Amino acid sequence: MAIMLATASGLRAETYNWLHDITFDAPTDGTVLFNSRDRLEMVWHDMTFVVQIYSNKGINDELLKKNLQRRAADYNMYDTRTDKYKRNSFEGFYLTGTLPDGSRANIHNMLSSKTGLFIQVLVNYTTDSEKAAKKLIKSLKQEPAKKKKQVRKQKIQKKDAPQKPIKKSSTSPVELYEI
């Protein structure tokens, strides 16, 4: 997993590049609890973030909504509300609700318009970390990691090494300017 540091609006955040070209900005003091090819779990002081990849066969809007309701029932969520979601090449639905311990949770069922990948994202947070949770979800994207340019180092001959021969050019200057 490649990690880069970024500074945004005074808060320190890390840009995580996960599998399937999924990137997101997260607070710097997080811990990765579980990381496999189809699931990522991260935790901060009072916030949990889970990304799960599923098969996209037979997925439609009705199935996305039903899955959200089933997942909310699994967590015994109440005061739930389901809305459409569309941001950063992801499209689908999200459910917001309250868990029995009083914390809030957002569950997102999304399809990527770039690759057709079906992703479920769960963010569990308290009122103290609500702003960070919303920022985390807004930063979720699917884009390839930026590749660094390779810088060629100049070769310097060692002090006591014998001189290396100069290579002759394969073309002469006359051939280059010949018309």
C-alpha atoms as a PDB file:
ATOM      1  CA  MET A   1       0.000   0.000   0.000  1.00  0.00           C
ATOM      2  CA  ALA A   2       1.544   3.307  -1.040  1.00  0.00           C
ATOM      3  CA  ILE A   3       1.158   6.219   1.351  1.00  0.00           C
ATOM      4  CA  MET A   4       1.754   9.890   0.654  1.00  0.00           C
ATOM      5  CA  LEU A   5       1.393  12.764   3.092  1.00  0.00           C
ATOM      6  CA  ALA A   6      -0.835  15.674   2.170  1.00  0.00           C
ATOM      7  CA  THR A   7      -1.946  18.829   3.912  1.00  0.00           C
ATOM      8  CA  ALA A   8      -5.502  19.993   3.357  1.00  0.00           C
ATOM      9  CA  SER A   9      -7.165  22.945   5.057  1.00  0.00           C
ATOM     10  CA  GLY A  10      -4.857  22.805   8.061  1.00  0.00           C
ATOM     11  CA  LEU A  11      -5.602  19.145   8.907  1.00  0.00           C
ATOM     12  CA  ARG A  12      -3.001  16.502   8.236  1.00  0.00           C
ATOM     13  CA  ALA A  13      -4.239  13.642   6.105  1.00  0.00           C
ATOM     14  CA  GLU A  14      -2.727  10.688   4.322  1.00  0.00           C
ATOM     15  CA  THR A  15      -3.698   9.654   0.835  1.00  0.00           C
ATOM     16  CA  TYR A  16      -4.071   5.888   0.779  1.00  0.00           C
ATOM     17  CA  ASN A  17      -3.826   4.059  -2.537  1.00  0.00           C
ATOM     18  CA  TRP A  18      -5.538   0.727  -2.086  1.00  0.00           C
ATOM     19  CA  LEU A  19      -6.139  -2.118  -4.530  1.00  0.00           C
ATOM     20  CA  HIS A  20      -8.388  -1.617  -7.569  1.00  0.00           C
ATOM     21  CA  ASP A  21      -6.993   1.962  -7.815  1.00  0.00           C
ATOM     22  CA  ILE A  22      -9.169   3.126  -4.893  1.00  0.00           C
ATOM     23  CA  THR A  23      -7.760   6.182  -3.154  1.00  0.00           C
ATOM     24  CA  PHE A  24      -8.951   8.233  -0.186  1.00  0.00           C
ATOM     25  CA  ASP A  25      -7.675  10.867   2.240  1.00  0.00           C
ATOM     26  CA  ALA A  26      -7.746   9.798   5.871  1.00  0.00           C
ATOM     27  CA  PRO A  27      -6.543  11.255   9.186  1.00  0.00           C
ATOM     28  CA  THR A  28      -2.884  10.492   9.883  1.00  0.00           C
ATOM     29  CA  ASP A  29      -3.284   8.607  13.152  1.00  0.00           C
ATOM     30  CA  GLY A  30      -5.203   5.630  11.712  1.00  0.00           C
ATOM     31  CA  THR A  31      -4.415   1.943  12.008  1.00  0.00           C
ATOM     32  CA  VAL A  32      -5.052  -0.729   9.386  1.00  0.00           C
ATOM     33  CA  LEU A  33      -6.745  -3.656  11.145  1.00  0.00           C
ATOM     34  CA  PHE A  34      -7.337  -5.882   8.126  1.00  0.00           C
ATOM     35  CA  ASN A  35      -6.176  -5.672   4.522  1.00  0.00           C
ATOM     36  CA  SER A  36      -6.911  -8.269   1.839  1.00  0.00           C
ATOM     37  CA  ARG A  37      -7.646  -8.113  -1.873  1.00  0.00           C
ATOM     38  CA  ASP A  38     -11.369  -7.498  -1.302  1.00  0.00           C
ATOM     39  CA  ARG A  39     -11.584  -5.908   2.173  1.00  0.00           C
ATOM     40  CA  LEU A  40      -9.905  -3.036   4.022  1.00  0.00           C
ATOM     41  CA  GLU A  41     -10.601  -2.126   7.657  1.00  0.00           C
ATOM     42  CA  MET A  42      -9.134   0.969   9.305  1.00  0.00           C
ATOM     43  CA  VAL A  43      -9.683   2.490  12.727  1.00  0.00           C
ATOM     44  CA  TRP A  44      -9.023   5.870  14.335  1.00  0.00           C
ATOM     45  CA  HIS A  45      -9.813   6.970  17.904  1.00  0.00           C
ATOM     46  CA  ASP A  46     -13.600   7.037  17.459  1.00  0.00           C
ATOM     47  CA  MET A  47     -14.080   6.258  13.770  1.00  0.00           C
ATOM     48  CA  THR A  48     -14.085   2.998  11.793  1.00  0.00           C
ATOM     49  CA  PHE A  49     -13.796   2.711   8.004  1.00  0.00           C
ATOM     50  CA  VAL A  50     -14.478  -0.514   6.074  1.00  0.00           C
ATOM     51  CA  VAL A  51     -14.305  -0.989   2.289  1.00  0.00           C
ATOM     52  CA  GLN A  52     -15.640  -4.253   0.858  1.00  0.00           C
ATOM     53  CA  ILE A  53     -15.515  -5.298  -2.819  1.00  0.00           C
ATOM     54  CA  TYR A  54     -18.309  -7.524  -4.152  1.00  0.00           C
ATOM     55  CA  SER A  55     -19.226  -9.085  -7.474  1.00  0.00           C
ATOM     56  CA  ASN A  56     -21.149  -6.710  -9.718  1.00  0.00           C
ATOM     57  CA  LYS A  57     -23.176  -9.397 -11.529  1.00  0.00           C
ATOM     58  CA  GLY A  58     -26.917  -8.711 -11.526  1.00  0.00           C
ATOM     59  CA  ILE A  59     -26.603  -5.449  -9.584  1.00  0.00           C
ATOM     60  CA  ASN A  60     -29.400  -2.916 -10.007  1.00  0.00           C
ATOM     61  CA  ASP A  61     -30.766   0.007  -7.971  1.00  0.00           C
ATOM     62  CA  GLU A  62     -33.396  -2.100  -6.204  1.00  0.00           C
ATOM     63  CA  LEU A  63     -30.798  -4.655  -5.091  1.00  0.00           C
ATOM     64  CA  LEU A  64     -28.484  -1.878  -3.829  1.00  0.00           C
ATOM     65  CA  LYS A  65     -31.302  -0.434  -1.681  1.00  0.00           C
ATOM     66  CA  LYS A  66     -32.372  -3.842  -0.305  1.00  0.00           C
ATOM     67  CA  ASN A  67     -28.781  -4.661   0.586  1.00  0.00           C
ATOM     68  CA  LEU A  68     -28.493  -1.377   2.514  1.00  0.00           C
ATOM     69  CA  GLN A  69     -31.645  -2.147   4.505  1.00  0.00           C
ATOM     70  CA  ARG A  70     -30.449  -5.689   5.254  1.00  0.00           C
ATOM     71  CA  ARG A  71     -27.037  -4.436   6.393  1.00  0.00           C
ATOM     72  CA  ALA A  72     -28.691  -1.807   8.651  1.00  0.00           C
ATOM     73  CA  ALA A  73     -30.882  -4.527  10.189  1.00  0.00           C
ATOM     74  CA  ASP A  74     -27.747  -6.644  10.827  1.00  0.00           C
ATOM     75  CA  TYR A  75     -26.309  -3.757  12.865  1.00  0.00           C
ATOM     76  CA  ASN A  76     -29.673  -3.034  14.608  1.00  0.00           C
ATOM     77  CA  MET A  77     -29.600   0.518  13.236  1.00  0.00           C
ATOM     78  CA  TYR A  78     -32.517   2.870  13.802  1.00  0.00           C
ATOM     79  CA  ASP A  79     -33.505   6.340  12.514  1.00  0.00           C
ATOM     80  CA  THR A  80     -32.274   5.273   9.092  1.00  0.00           C
ATOM     81  CA  ARG A  81     -32.547   7.281   5.898  1.00  0.00           C
ATOM     82  CA  THR A  82     -31.586   6.182   2.373  1.00  0.00           C
ATOM     83  CA  ASP A  83     -30.521   8.638  -0.351  1.00  0.00           C
ATOM     84  CA  LYS A  84     -28.876   8.594  -3.772  1.00  0.00           C
ATOM     85  CA  TYR A  85     -25.108   8.985  -3.958  1.00  0.00           C
ATOM     86  CA  LYS A  86     -23.060  10.253  -6.883  1.00  0.00           C
ATOM     87  CA  ARG A  87     -19.504  11.521  -6.517  1.00  0.00           C
ATOM     88  CA  ASN A  88     -16.035  10.931  -8.007  1.00  0.00           C
ATOM     89  CA  SER A  89     -17.119   8.274 -10.549  1.00  0.00           C
ATOM     90  CA  PHE A  90     -19.105   6.346  -7.901  1.00  0.00           C
ATOM     91  CA  GLU A  91     -22.872   6.080  -8.172  1.00  0.00           C
ATOM     92  CA  GLY A  92     -25.389   4.326  -5.958  1.00  0.00           C
ATOM     93  CA  PHE A  93     -27.130   4.772  -2.611  1.00  0.00           C
ATOM     94  CA  TYR A  94     -26.191   5.417   0.995  1.00  0.00           C
ATOM     95  CA  LEU A  95     -27.933   4.834   4.282  1.00  0.00           C
ATOM     96  CA  THR A  96     -27.419   6.954   7.386  1.00  0.00           C
ATOM     97  CA  GLY A  97     -28.522   5.758  10.809  1.00  0.00           C
ATOM     98  CA  THR A  98     -27.803   5.396  14.491  1.00  0.00           C
ATOM     99  CA  LEU A  99     -26.344   2.291  16.115  1.00  0.00           C
ATOM    100  CA  PRO A 100     -27.520   0.966  19.508  1.00  0.00           C
ATOM    101  CA  ASP A 101     -24.442   2.445  21.264  1.00  0.00           C
ATOM    102  CA  GLY A 102     -25.430   5.949  20.066  1.00  0.00           C
ATOM    103  CA  SER A 103     -22.758   6.277  17.381  1.00  0.00           C
ATOM    104  CA  ARG A 104     -23.682   7.109  13.787  1.00  0.00           C
ATOM    105  CA  ALA A 105     -22.983   5.031  10.700  1.00  0.00           C
ATOM    106  CA  ASN A 106     -23.085   5.609   6.947  1.00  0.00           C
ATOM    107  CA  ILE A 107     -23.271   2.620   4.624  1.00  0.00           C
ATOM    108  CA  HIS A 108     -22.619   3.266   0.930  1.00  0.00           C
ATOM    109  CA  ASN A 109     -23.400   0.802  -1.866  1.00  0.00           C
ATOM    110  CA  MET A 110     -21.738   2.144  -5.002  1.00  0.00           C
ATOM    111  CA  LEU A 111     -20.855   1.123  -8.526  1.00  0.00           C
ATOM    112  CA  SER A 112     -17.825   2.625 -10.227  1.00  0.00           C
ATOM    113  CA  SER A 113     -18.659   4.173 -13.584  1.00  0.00           C
ATOM    114  CA  LYS A 114     -15.017   3.662 -14.644  1.00  0.00           C
ATOM    115  CA  THR A 115     -14.691  -0.066 -13.991  1.00  0.00           C
ATOM    116  CA  GLY A 116     -18.148  -1.312 -12.963  1.00  0.00           C
ATOM    117  CA  LEU A 117     -16.739  -2.379  -9.590  1.00  0.00           C
ATOM    118  CA  PHE A 118     -19.321  -2.817  -6.772  1.00  0.00           C
ATOM    119  CA  ILE A 119     -18.066  -1.338  -3.493  1.00  0.00           C
ATOM    120  CA  GLN A 120     -19.672  -1.192  -0.076  1.00  0.00           C
ATOM    121  CA  VAL A 121     -18.232   1.379   2.336  1.00  0.00           C
ATOM    122  CA  LEU A 122     -19.109   1.564   6.028  1.00  0.00           C
ATOM    123  CA  VAL A 123     -18.100   4.529   8.181  1.00  0.00           C
ATOM    124  CA  ASN A 124     -18.922   4.394  11.897  1.00  0.00           C
ATOM    125  CA  TYR A 125     -18.280   7.593  13.855  1.00  0.00           C
ATOM    126  CA  THR A 126     -19.284   9.689  16.863  1.00  0.00           C
ATOM    127  CA  THR A 127     -20.439  13.304  16.809  1.00  0.00           C
ATOM    128  CA  ASP A 128     -16.843  14.403  17.529  1.00  0.00           C
ATOM    129  CA  SER A 129     -15.549  12.780  14.340  1.00  0.00           C
ATOM    130  CA  GLU A 130     -18.544  13.455  12.055  1.00  0.00           C
ATOM    131  CA  LYS A 131     -16.680  16.099  10.045  1.00  0.00           C
ATOM    132  CA  ALA A 132     -13.693  13.792   9.471  1.00  0.00           C
ATOM    133  CA  ALA A 133     -16.021  10.929   8.445  1.00  0.00           C
ATOM    134  CA  LYS A 134     -17.774  13.081   5.834  1.00  0.00           C
ATOM    135  CA  LYS A 135     -14.425  14.297   4.519  1.00  0.00           C
ATOM    136  CA  LEU A 136     -13.194  10.709   4.269  1.00  0.00           C
ATOM    137  CA  ILE A 137     -16.200   9.617   2.181  1.00  0.00           C
ATOM    138  CA  LYS A 138     -15.967  12.686  -0.085  1.00  0.00           C
ATOM    139  CA  SER A 139     -12.325  11.887  -0.846  1.00  0.00           C
ATOM    140  CA  LEU A 140     -13.047   8.307  -1.973  1.00  0.00           C
ATOM    141  CA  LYS A 141     -12.047   7.950  -5.662  1.00  0.00           C
ATOM    142  CA  GLN A 142     -11.023   5.338  -8.138  1.00  0.00           C
ATOM    143  CA  GLU A 143      -7.976   6.523 -10.017  1.00  0.00           C
ATOM    144  CA  PRO A 144      -4.573   5.064 -10.777  1.00  0.00           C
ATOM    145  CA  ALA A 145      -1.731   6.005  -8.459  1.00  0.00           C
ATOM    146  CA  LYS A 146       0.493   8.776  -9.751  1.00  0.00           C
ATOM    147  CA  LYS A 147       3.814   7.468 -10.929  1.00  0.00           C
ATOM    148  CA  LYS A 148       6.941   9.367 -10.032  1.00  0.00           C
ATOM    149  CA  LYS A 149       9.301  10.402 -12.799  1.00  0.00           C
ATOM    150  CA  GLN A 150      12.557   8.555 -12.768  1.00  0.00           C
ATOM    151  CA  VAL A 151      15.438  10.935 -12.353  1.00  0.00           C
ATOM    152  CA  ARG A 152      18.615   9.815 -14.069  1.00  0.00           C
ATOM    153  CA  LYS A 153      21.636  10.244 -11.880  1.00  0.00           C
ATOM    154  CA  GLN A 154      24.774  11.614 -13.394  1.00  0.00           C
ATOM    155  CA  LYS A 155      27.563   9.051 -13.437  1.00  0.00           C
ATOM    156  CA  ILE A 156      30.682  10.305 -11.712  1.00  0.00           C
ATOM    157  CA  GLN A 157      33.963   8.519 -11.994  1.00  0.00           C
ATOM    158  CA  LYS A 158      35.619   7.505  -8.729  1.00  0.00           C
ATOM    159  CA  LYS A 159      38.770   9.325  -7.681  1.00  0.00           C
ATOM    160  CA  ASP A 160      41.247   6.447  -7.982  1.00  0.00           C
ATOM    161  CA  ALA A 161      39.478   4.483 -10.739  1.00  0.00           C
ATOM    162  CA  PRO A 162      41.115   4.177 -14.168  1.00  0.00           C
ATOM    163  CA  GLN A 163      39.669   6.414 -16.853  1.00  0.00           C
ATOM    164  CA  LYS A 164      36.906   4.886 -18.929  1.00  0.00           C
ATOM    165  CA  PRO A 165      37.141   5.088 -22.704  1.00  0.00           C
ATOM    166  CA  ILE A 166      34.867   7.566 -24.474  1.00  0.00           C
ATOM    167  CA  LYS A 167      32.391   5.818 -26.751  1.00  0.00           C
ATOM    168  CA  LYS A 168      32.432   6.830 -30.374  1.00  0.00           C
ATOM    169  CA  SER A 169      29.211   8.003 -31.967  1.00  0.00           C
ATOM    170  CA  SER A 170      27.517   5.639 -34.415  1.00  0.00           C
ATOM    171  CA  THR A 171      26.836   8.520 -36.816  1.00  0.00           C
ATOM    172  CA  SER A 172      29.229  11.199 -37.922  1.00  0.00           C
ATOM    173  CA  PRO A 173      28.294  14.901 -37.814  1.00  0.00           C
ATOM    174  CA  VAL A 174      28.449  14.972 -41.612  1.00  0.00           C
ATOM    175  CA  GLU A 175      25.693  12.319 -41.853  1.00  0.00           C
ATOM    176  CA  LEU A 176      23.442  14.263 -39.470  1.00  0.00           C
ATOM    177  CA  TYR A 177      23.411  17.433 -41.569  1.00  0.00           C
ATOM    178  CA  GLU A 178      23.443  15.796 -44.986  1.00  0.00           C
ATOM    179  CA  ILE A 179      20.478  16.728 -47.177  1.00  0.00           C
END
